[in-house]
Amino acid sequence: MNAPITMDIAAIMRQLPHRYPFLLVDRVLECIPGKRITALKNVTFNEPYFPGHFPHRPVMPGVIIIEALAQAAGILAFRTVDVIPDVNTRFYFVAIDKARFRKPVEPGDQLLLKVTLGRAFKGIWKFQAVAEVAGAEVASAEIMLAPEAKAAAREGDAP
């Protein structure tokens, strides 16, 4: 059995290509490669989308919640195959199914991201993902990722 892994923001930045303002995972509380990850996103009033969504009552957009879940899934995928990504390796978010949004996420909330690896088949990795705030489910989805086959870069073409 794989020992659980925790990650701070520096380790997360080595694992994901995303950067501010689109790095949406602040800490990994537990990652068991090949099985599951639990990560944290601290939602602050300073998020760049809050001034326009919505000025009178800031609410985290559902697509951003799903992206945070996909980033957690990406960390789990990379840790599962024991790869630190570089310019030739990355996982792309290729599909989402059964997305549900149950409760608004607001500034001050801590978004708990729980992702479980379902299966990997023909290069598509399928995950079950749930976002929670204070123990209550706020969003869920089936997320699919696929590794990039960086053939163009190996042949000298620009990405």
Protein backbone atom coordinates (compact mmCIF):
# COMPACT_ATOMS: atom_id res chain seq x y z
CA MET A 1 0.00 0.00 0.00
CA ASN A 2 1.22 3.49 -0.85
CA ALA A 3 1.89 5.83 2.06
CA PRO A 4 -0.19 9.05 2.08
CA ILE A 5 1.55 12.16 0.78
CA THR A 6 0.96 15.77 1.87
CA MET A 7 2.02 18.78 -0.19
CA ASP A 8 2.51 22.47 0.50
CA ILE A 9 2.16 25.18 -2.15
CA ALA A 10 5.80 24.84 -3.29
CA ALA A 11 5.34 21.10 -3.95
CA ILE A 12 2.03 21.77 -5.71
CA MET A 13 3.72 24.30 -8.00
CA ARG A 14 6.29 21.65 -8.96
CA GLN A 15 3.44 19.26 -9.78
CA LEU A 16 1.08 21.57 -11.72
CA PRO A 17 1.86 24.03 -14.52
CA HIS A 18 -0.82 26.49 -13.33
CA ARG A 19 0.13 29.82 -11.73
CA TYR A 20 -1.69 32.76 -10.18
CA PRO A 21 -4.46 33.59 -10.73
CA PHE A 22 -5.33 30.11 -11.98
CA LEU A 23 -3.58 27.85 -9.49
CA LEU A 24 -6.58 26.68 -7.47
CA VAL A 25 -5.08 24.14 -5.04
CA ASP A 26 -3.45 25.61 -1.93
CA ARG A 27 -2.55 22.44 -0.02
CA VAL A 28 -2.77 18.67 -0.39
CA LEU A 29 -3.94 17.17 2.90
CA GLU A 30 -3.62 13.57 1.71
CA CYS A 31 -2.72 11.88 -1.55
CA ILE A 32 -2.63 8.14 -1.95
CA PRO A 33 -1.25 7.55 -5.46
CA GLY A 34 -3.48 5.33 -7.55
CA LYS A 35 -6.43 5.89 -5.23
CA ARG A 36 -7.45 9.33 -3.95
CA ILE A 37 -6.51 12.87 -3.03
CA THR A 38 -7.91 15.38 -0.54
CA ALA A 39 -6.84 18.97 -1.17
CA LEU A 40 -7.74 22.45 0.03
CA LYS A 41 -8.62 25.70 -1.73
CA ASN A 42 -8.92 28.74 0.56
CA VAL A 43 -11.52 31.02 -1.01
CA THR A 44 -10.68 34.68 -0.35
CA PHE A 45 -12.43 37.93 -1.19
CA ASN A 46 -9.40 38.84 -3.33
CA GLU A 47 -10.14 36.18 -5.98
CA PRO A 48 -10.10 37.90 -9.40
CA TYR A 49 -13.61 36.72 -10.39
CA PHE A 50 -15.50 38.08 -7.34
CA PRO A 51 -15.82 41.74 -8.47
CA GLY A 52 -17.92 40.59 -11.44
CA HIS A 53 -19.53 37.42 -10.00
CA PHE A 54 -21.50 39.00 -8.36
CA PRO A 55 -20.78 42.54 -7.08
CA HIS A 56 -23.67 42.49 -4.59
CA ARG A 57 -23.00 38.89 -3.39
CA PRO A 58 -19.70 37.28 -4.38
CA VAL A 59 -20.14 33.64 -5.41
CA MET A 60 -17.38 31.36 -6.70
CA PRO A 61 -18.28 30.36 -10.27
CA GLY A 62 -19.14 26.68 -10.64
CA VAL A 63 -16.66 26.25 -13.48
CA ILE A 64 -13.88 27.43 -11.17
CA ILE A 65 -14.91 24.84 -8.56
CA ILE A 66 -14.78 22.15 -11.26
CA GLU A 67 -11.37 23.41 -12.40
CA ALA A 68 -10.08 23.19 -8.81
CA LEU A 69 -11.29 19.57 -8.71
CA ALA A 70 -9.60 18.90 -12.07
CA GLN A 71 -6.32 20.35 -10.76
CA ALA A 72 -6.52 18.05 -7.73
CA ALA A 73 -7.17 15.15 -10.14
CA GLY A 74 -4.10 16.24 -12.14
CA ILE A 75 -1.93 16.07 -9.03
CA LEU A 76 -3.29 12.60 -8.27
CA ALA A 77 -2.60 11.48 -11.85
CA PHE A 78 0.98 12.75 -11.83
CA ARG A 79 1.67 11.23 -8.41
CA THR A 80 0.14 7.93 -9.56
CA VAL A 81 2.53 7.64 -12.51
CA ASP A 82 5.35 9.18 -10.41
CA VAL A 83 6.06 11.98 -12.89
CA ILE A 84 7.07 15.56 -12.23
CA PRO A 85 5.74 17.42 -15.27
CA ASP A 86 7.90 19.44 -17.62
CA VAL A 87 7.26 21.05 -21.01
CA ASN A 88 6.72 17.59 -22.52
CA THR A 89 4.32 16.18 -19.93
CA ARG A 90 0.93 17.33 -18.82
CA PHE A 91 -2.59 16.05 -18.34
CA TYR A 92 -5.45 17.83 -20.09
CA PHE A 93 -8.97 18.17 -18.75
CA VAL A 94 -10.87 16.41 -21.57
CA ALA A 95 -14.39 15.79 -20.28
CA ILE A 96 -16.82 16.38 -17.49
CA ASP A 97 -19.99 14.45 -16.80
CA LYS A 98 -22.74 14.64 -14.20
CA ALA A 99 -21.66 18.02 -12.80
CA ARG A 100 -23.90 19.19 -9.98
CA PHE A 101 -23.82 22.38 -7.93
CA ARG A 102 -25.65 22.26 -4.62
CA LYS A 103 -24.68 25.34 -2.62
CA PRO A 104 -22.91 28.66 -3.27
CA VAL A 105 -19.25 28.99 -2.30
CA GLU A 106 -18.39 32.40 -0.87
CA PRO A 107 -15.34 34.33 0.31
CA GLY A 108 -14.06 32.91 3.59
CA ASP A 109 -15.02 29.32 2.73
CA GLN A 110 -12.49 26.52 2.71
CA LEU A 111 -13.19 24.31 -0.27
CA LEU A 112 -12.26 20.69 0.43
CA LEU A 113 -11.50 18.88 -2.82
CA LYS A 114 -11.96 15.09 -2.72
CA VAL A 115 -11.05 13.15 -5.84
CA THR A 116 -10.96 9.38 -6.34
CA LEU A 117 -9.41 7.62 -9.32
CA GLY A 118 -12.06 5.46 -10.95
CA ARG A 119 -10.15 3.93 -13.83
CA ALA A 120 -7.70 4.59 -16.63
CA PHE A 121 -8.64 3.15 -20.01
CA LYS A 122 -7.13 3.85 -23.45
CA GLY A 123 -5.32 6.94 -22.17
CA ILE A 124 -8.37 8.48 -20.47
CA TRP A 125 -8.30 8.75 -16.69
CA LYS A 126 -11.72 8.95 -15.03
CA PHE A 127 -12.20 10.45 -11.55
CA GLN A 128 -15.09 10.90 -9.14
CA ALA A 129 -14.83 14.38 -7.62
CA VAL A 130 -16.64 16.12 -4.76
CA ALA A 131 -16.15 19.61 -3.33
CA GLU A 132 -17.26 20.31 0.24
CA VAL A 133 -17.50 23.31 2.53
CA ALA A 134 -17.80 22.70 6.28
CA GLY A 135 -18.70 19.04 5.68
CA ALA A 136 -21.50 19.82 3.21
CA GLU A 137 -21.23 18.86 -0.46
CA VAL A 138 -21.28 21.95 -2.69
CA ALA A 139 -20.39 20.39 -6.06
CA SER A 140 -19.63 17.04 -7.67
CA ALA A 141 -18.66 15.71 -11.09
CA GLU A 142 -17.07 12.92 -13.05
CA ILE A 143 -13.84 14.32 -14.50
CA MET A 144 -11.74 12.86 -17.28
CA LEU A 145 -8.10 13.70 -17.97
CA ALA A 146 -5.76 12.54 -20.71
CA PRO A 147 -1.97 12.76 -20.92
CA GLU A 148 -0.52 14.86 -23.71
CA ALA A 149 1.52 13.02 -26.32
CA LYS A 150 3.95 15.84 -27.01
CA ALA A 151 4.92 14.60 -30.48
CA ALA A 152 4.93 18.10 -31.99
CA ALA A 153 7.55 19.33 -29.50
CA ARG A 154 9.75 16.27 -30.08
CA GLU A 155 9.69 17.01 -33.79
CA GLY A 156 10.76 20.63 -33.19
CA ASP A 157 7.39 22.28 -33.85
CA ALA A 158 6.22 25.08 -31.59
CA PRO A 159 3.46 24.07 -29.15
